Amino acid sequence: MGKHLLLVNDLPGYGKVALAAMMPVLTHMGHHIYNLPTALVSNTLDYGRFEILDTTDYMRNTIGVWKALGFSFDAISTGFIVSPAQAAMIANYCSRERAKGTKIFVDPIMGDEGHLYNGLTERTVEGMRRLVSQADYMVPNYTEAALIAGETYKKEGLSWVAMKNLLGRLHRMGNGSIAITSAKVDGEDAVAGFDKDRGEYFLRTFDMIPVRFPGTGDIFSAIFMGNVMNGVSMMDSVDKAMMAVRQMIALSSSSGDSFKGIPVESCLEVIDSCQEDRK
């Protein structure tokens, strides 16, 4: 029996990122999927020209309607957020739902490679700090983890000791579990994490495939969330997500237009094979 999952993220008109990437993945994994778009985006930002429609008013009204109708979810996942005001609204909603037992997953999408995305400011970071304080599971990349913790981004990466300190600091902000992606630890590309249930730090290294697709973080978050909500341990959920994303990248590496993102519907069977590989 699948869980009822709400995805709060942007919706692209052209390209497989955010909701367009996460919904088919989680549906394939057997869950019941609902969505609350934070913005309508014309296409993936990699093309350099795009249009974004802020849906904050629609979100506020929709949350009010859902409250009146008594809708609830087993888990909520948040992704790209347009403004500090929107972040505060989502944080309040997640806080109320978490108090009822809903699991909260936060992917604090704000930047990469040491920089905030265009148009985002320190106010965005402050808003995201409030949101991650409600997270049972936080899935930032290393840039976002450093921003949230107020630490200096180090291009060369961190030692394992320093990474554990960063993970501990993030854990104390929300008392949840953390998986930091796109990290470099002791010179190796890695996903580093802290599993609250086990009280354990963990590190998973990997060899980078030299091709970039937008949306791989969304796919990772979706597979991770889908597994956690299916009762898989956090560390095994990270392993399955890493394995599946790597195989999807390899299968799509000869794609003619990588700016579109991974054609996720054409490689959903990878998720199944990775589930079997970890049993």
Protein backbone atom coordinates (compact mmCIF):
# COMPACT_ATOMS: atom_id res chain seq x y z
CA MET A 1 0.00 0.00 0.00
CA GLY A 2 1.51 3.30 -1.08
CA LYS A 3 1.64 6.40 1.08
CA HIS A 4 -0.09 9.71 0.36
CA LEU A 5 2.69 12.20 -0.45
CA LEU A 6 2.46 15.95 -1.11
CA LEU A 7 5.18 17.49 -3.26
CA VAL A 8 5.75 21.24 -2.86
CA ASN A 9 8.03 22.31 -5.70
CA ASP A 10 8.06 24.22 -8.97
CA LEU A 11 6.45 22.89 -12.14
CA PRO A 12 8.37 23.31 -15.43
CA GLY A 13 6.61 23.53 -18.75
CA TYR A 14 9.65 22.17 -20.63
CA GLY A 15 12.13 19.83 -19.01
CA LYS A 16 12.29 17.02 -16.45
CA VAL A 17 13.07 18.73 -13.16
CA ALA A 18 11.21 19.40 -9.91
CA LEU A 19 7.60 18.12 -10.04
CA ALA A 20 8.01 16.84 -13.60
CA ALA A 21 10.81 14.54 -12.44
CA MET A 22 9.54 13.60 -8.98
CA MET A 23 5.93 12.71 -9.76
CA PRO A 24 6.63 9.84 -12.20
CA VAL A 25 9.33 8.43 -9.92
CA LEU A 26 7.16 8.32 -6.81
CA THR A 27 4.11 7.09 -8.71
CA HIS A 28 6.24 4.27 -10.13
CA MET A 29 7.30 3.43 -6.58
CA GLY A 30 3.67 2.86 -5.65
CA HIS A 31 2.80 6.05 -3.80
CA HIS A 32 -0.21 8.34 -4.19
CA ILE A 33 1.08 11.74 -5.30
CA TYR A 34 -0.37 15.23 -4.81
CA ASN A 35 1.28 18.54 -5.68
CA LEU A 36 1.36 22.18 -4.67
CA PRO A 37 3.40 24.17 -7.24
CA THR A 38 5.54 26.96 -5.78
CA ALA A 39 5.98 28.44 -9.25
CA LEU A 40 5.25 27.74 -12.89
CA VAL A 41 8.52 27.83 -14.83
CA SER A 42 8.64 28.00 -18.61
CA ASN A 43 11.65 25.67 -18.94
CA THR A 44 14.75 24.52 -17.09
CA LEU A 45 16.99 27.45 -16.18
CA ASP A 46 19.96 25.97 -18.05
CA TYR A 47 18.67 27.48 -21.30
CA GLY A 48 19.48 30.94 -19.93
CA ARG A 49 16.11 32.45 -20.81
CA PHE A 50 12.97 31.62 -18.86
CA GLU A 51 9.73 32.91 -17.37
CA ILE A 52 8.62 32.25 -13.77
CA LEU A 53 5.13 32.76 -12.34
CA ASP A 54 5.08 33.04 -8.53
CA THR A 55 2.10 31.03 -7.22
CA THR A 56 2.20 32.15 -3.57
CA ASP A 57 -1.38 33.49 -3.56
CA TYR A 58 -2.67 30.29 -5.17
CA MET A 59 -0.76 28.21 -2.59
CA ARG A 60 -2.16 30.20 0.33
CA ASN A 61 -5.72 29.83 -0.96
CA THR A 62 -5.24 26.15 -1.74
CA ILE A 63 -3.93 25.39 1.75
CA GLY A 64 -7.03 27.09 3.13
CA VAL A 65 -9.31 24.98 0.93
CA TRP A 66 -7.49 21.79 1.90
CA LYS A 67 -7.80 22.66 5.58
CA ALA A 68 -11.55 23.20 5.20
CA LEU A 69 -11.86 19.87 3.36
CA GLY A 70 -9.76 18.03 5.95
CA PHE A 71 -7.09 16.81 3.53
CA SER A 72 -3.97 15.27 5.08
CA PHE A 73 -0.84 13.48 3.89
CA ASP A 74 1.57 10.88 5.19
CA ALA A 75 4.54 13.02 4.15
CA ILE A 76 5.33 16.40 2.60
CA SER A 77 8.39 17.12 0.46
CA THR A 78 9.49 20.70 -0.22
CA GLY A 79 11.84 21.88 -2.96
CA PHE A 80 12.32 25.19 -4.80
CA ILE A 81 10.77 28.15 -2.98
CA VAL A 82 10.38 31.52 -4.66
CA SER A 83 10.50 33.99 -1.76
CA PRO A 84 11.02 34.37 2.00
CA ALA A 85 7.27 34.99 2.37
CA GLN A 86 6.54 31.72 0.61
CA ALA A 87 9.10 29.91 2.78
CA ALA A 88 7.41 31.22 5.95
CA MET A 89 4.00 30.12 4.72
CA ILE A 90 5.25 26.61 3.87
CA ALA A 91 7.13 26.36 7.18
CA ASN A 92 3.94 27.19 9.09
CA TYR A 93 1.98 24.63 7.10
CA CYS A 94 4.65 21.95 7.63
CA SER A 95 4.78 22.73 11.35
CA ARG A 96 1.03 22.19 11.71
CA GLU A 97 1.09 18.99 9.69
CA ARG A 98 4.18 17.63 11.43
CA ALA A 99 2.39 18.01 14.75
CA LYS A 100 -0.24 15.60 13.38
CA GLY A 101 2.40 12.99 12.51
CA THR A 102 3.18 13.91 8.90
CA LYS A 103 6.81 13.31 7.93
CA ILE A 104 8.55 16.38 6.48
CA PHE A 105 11.28 16.11 3.82
CA VAL A 106 13.09 19.35 2.88
CA ASP A 107 15.36 19.79 -0.12
CA PRO A 108 16.47 23.41 0.48
CA ILE A 109 17.09 24.33 -3.16
CA MET A 110 19.05 27.61 -3.14
CA GLY A 111 22.38 27.24 -4.90
CA ASP A 112 25.32 25.13 -6.01
CA GLU A 113 29.11 25.31 -6.36
CA GLY A 114 29.35 27.85 -3.55
CA HIS A 115 26.83 30.39 -4.92
CA LEU A 116 23.16 31.25 -4.48
CA TYR A 117 21.04 30.91 -7.59
CA ASN A 118 20.25 34.17 -9.40
CA GLY A 119 17.59 36.24 -7.66
CA LEU A 120 18.02 34.62 -4.24
CA THR A 121 19.36 36.56 -1.27
CA GLU A 122 20.33 36.15 2.38
CA ARG A 123 16.62 36.60 3.19
CA THR A 124 16.01 33.41 1.21
CA VAL A 125 18.57 31.62 3.37
CA GLU A 126 16.90 32.88 6.53
CA GLY A 127 13.53 31.65 5.30
CA MET A 128 14.99 28.27 4.46
CA ARG A 129 16.53 27.97 7.94
CA ARG A 130 13.05 28.32 9.37
CA LEU A 131 11.75 25.63 7.03
CA VAL A 132 14.53 23.10 7.71
CA SER A 133 13.80 23.43 11.43
CA GLN A 134 10.61 21.48 10.62
CA ALA A 135 12.38 18.73 8.66
CA ASP A 136 12.43 15.08 9.68
CA TYR A 137 14.73 14.58 6.68
CA MET A 138 16.89 17.33 5.17
CA VAL A 139 18.55 16.75 1.76
CA PRO A 140 20.74 19.77 0.88
CA ASN A 141 23.72 19.78 -1.43
CA TYR A 142 26.97 20.89 0.17
CA THR A 143 26.53 24.52 -0.90
CA GLU A 144 23.06 24.66 0.66
CA ALA A 145 24.24 22.89 3.81
CA ALA A 146 27.00 25.47 4.27
CA LEU A 147 24.57 28.36 3.67
CA ILE A 148 22.03 27.06 6.16
CA ALA A 149 24.69 26.40 8.80
CA GLY A 150 26.33 29.80 8.21
CA GLU A 151 29.65 28.19 7.34
CA THR A 152 32.13 29.14 4.62
CA TYR A 153 31.89 27.01 1.47
CA LYS A 154 35.18 25.27 0.70
CA LYS A 155 35.70 24.33 -2.93
CA GLU A 156 38.19 21.65 -1.98
CA GLY A 157 35.63 20.05 0.33
CA LEU A 158 35.89 19.02 3.95
CA SER A 159 37.61 16.42 6.07
CA TRP A 160 35.37 13.73 7.50
CA VAL A 161 35.72 15.32 10.93
CA ALA A 162 34.63 18.71 9.61
CA MET A 163 31.74 17.14 7.68
CA LYS A 164 30.49 15.40 10.81
CA ASN A 165 30.60 18.76 12.60
CA LEU A 166 28.50 20.29 9.82
CA LEU A 167 26.02 17.40 9.94
CA GLY A 168 25.76 17.75 13.71
CA ARG A 169 25.04 21.45 13.43
CA LEU A 170 22.28 20.85 10.88
CA HIS A 171 20.80 18.09 13.01
CA ARG A 172 20.54 20.42 15.98
CA MET A 173 18.60 22.94 13.88
CA GLY A 174 15.69 20.56 13.32
CA ASN A 175 16.46 17.40 15.28
CA GLY A 176 16.10 15.35 12.10
CA SER A 177 18.18 13.20 9.75
CA ILE A 178 20.38 14.73 7.05
CA ALA A 179 21.88 13.61 3.74
CA ILE A 180 24.28 16.09 2.11
CA THR A 181 24.73 15.50 -1.62
CA SER A 182 27.36 16.87 -4.03
CA ALA A 183 29.88 16.83 -1.20
CA LYS A 184 33.62 16.25 -1.31
CA VAL A 185 35.04 14.54 1.76
CA ASP A 186 38.76 13.86 2.15
CA GLY A 187 39.14 14.47 -1.58
CA GLU A 188 36.39 12.08 -2.73
CA ASP A 189 32.94 12.85 -4.16
CA ALA A 190 30.39 11.70 -1.62
CA VAL A 191 27.00 11.79 0.03
CA ALA A 192 27.42 12.35 3.77
CA GLY A 193 24.70 11.87 6.32
CA PHE A 194 23.41 11.51 9.83
CA ASP A 195 20.72 8.95 10.62
CA LYS A 196 18.77 10.20 13.63
CA ASP A 197 17.08 6.86 14.29
CA ARG A 198 20.42 5.06 14.62
CA GLY A 199 22.37 8.01 15.96
CA GLU A 200 25.01 7.30 13.30
CA TYR A 201 27.03 9.32 10.80
CA PHE A 202 27.65 7.71 7.42
CA LEU A 203 29.60 8.38 4.24
CA ARG A 204 29.00 7.04 0.73
CA THR A 205 31.63 7.85 -1.92
CA PHE A 206 31.15 7.61 -5.68
CA ASP A 207 32.92 8.22 -8.99
CA MET A 208 31.52 11.23 -10.81
CA ILE A 209 30.16 10.72 -14.36
CA PRO A 210 31.40 13.76 -16.36
CA VAL A 211 28.01 14.95 -17.65
CA ARG A 212 25.52 17.37 -16.10
CA PHE A 213 21.75 17.06 -16.10
CA PRO A 214 19.44 19.42 -14.24
CA GLY A 215 17.01 17.64 -11.97
CA THR A 216 19.24 14.85 -10.68
CA GLY A 217 18.85 16.24 -7.16
CA ASP A 218 15.06 16.08 -7.52
CA ILE A 219 15.28 12.46 -8.67
CA PHE A 220 17.58 11.60 -5.77
CA SER A 221 15.18 13.25 -3.30
CA ALA A 222 12.19 11.42 -4.78
CA ILE A 223 13.79 7.97 -4.70
CA PHE A 224 15.14 8.61 -1.20
CA MET A 225 11.73 9.74 0.06
CA GLY A 226 9.91 6.90 -1.68
CA ASN A 227 12.11 4.32 -0.03
CA VAL A 228 11.96 5.89 3.44
CA MET A 229 8.17 5.96 3.20
CA ASN A 230 8.23 2.31 2.13
CA GLY A 231 9.97 1.46 5.40
CA VAL A 232 13.55 1.23 4.10
CA SER A 233 16.29 2.43 6.47
CA MET A 234 17.76 5.85 5.81
CA MET A 235 21.21 4.59 4.82
CA ASP A 236 19.78 1.97 2.46
CA SER A 237 17.46 4.63 1.00
CA VAL A 238 20.49 6.82 0.27
CA ASP A 239 22.30 3.88 -1.34
CA LYS A 240 19.32 3.03 -3.56
CA ALA A 241 18.90 6.67 -4.62
CA MET A 242 22.60 7.06 -5.43
CA MET A 243 22.66 3.85 -7.44
CA ALA A 244 19.53 4.69 -9.42
CA VAL A 245 20.56 8.27 -10.23
CA ARG A 246 23.99 7.09 -11.40
CA GLN A 247 22.45 4.49 -13.71
CA MET A 248 19.94 7.01 -15.08
CA ILE A 249 22.76 9.45 -15.84
CA ALA A 250 24.74 6.71 -17.58
CA LEU A 251 21.72 5.66 -19.67
CA SER A 252 21.01 9.27 -20.66
CA SER A 253 24.60 10.44 -21.20
CA SER A 254 24.26 10.41 -24.99
CA SER A 255 21.08 12.49 -24.88
CA GLY A 256 21.08 15.24 -27.49
CA ASP A 257 19.85 18.00 -25.17
CA SER A 258 21.00 17.58 -21.58
CA PHE A 259 19.35 20.90 -20.62
CA LYS A 260 16.00 19.08 -20.64
CA GLY A 261 17.10 16.85 -17.79
CA ILE A 262 16.94 13.06 -17.65
CA PRO A 263 14.00 11.54 -19.62
CA VAL A 264 12.90 9.86 -16.42
CA GLU A 265 9.87 7.99 -17.77
CA SER A 266 12.13 6.04 -20.14
CA CYS A 267 14.34 4.65 -17.37
CA LEU A 268 12.04 4.00 -14.42
CA GLU A 269 12.97 0.31 -14.51
CA VAL A 270 16.34 1.36 -13.07
CA ILE A 271 14.57 2.07 -9.78
CA ASP A 272 13.30 -1.52 -9.67
CA SER A 273 16.70 -3.02 -10.40
CA CYS A 274 18.32 -0.92 -7.67
CA GLN A 275 15.67 -2.04 -5.20
CA GLU A 276 16.60 -5.65 -5.92
CA ASP A 277 20.35 -4.98 -5.81
CA ARG A 278 20.12 -3.75 -2.22
CA LYS A 279 18.04 -6.65 -0.86
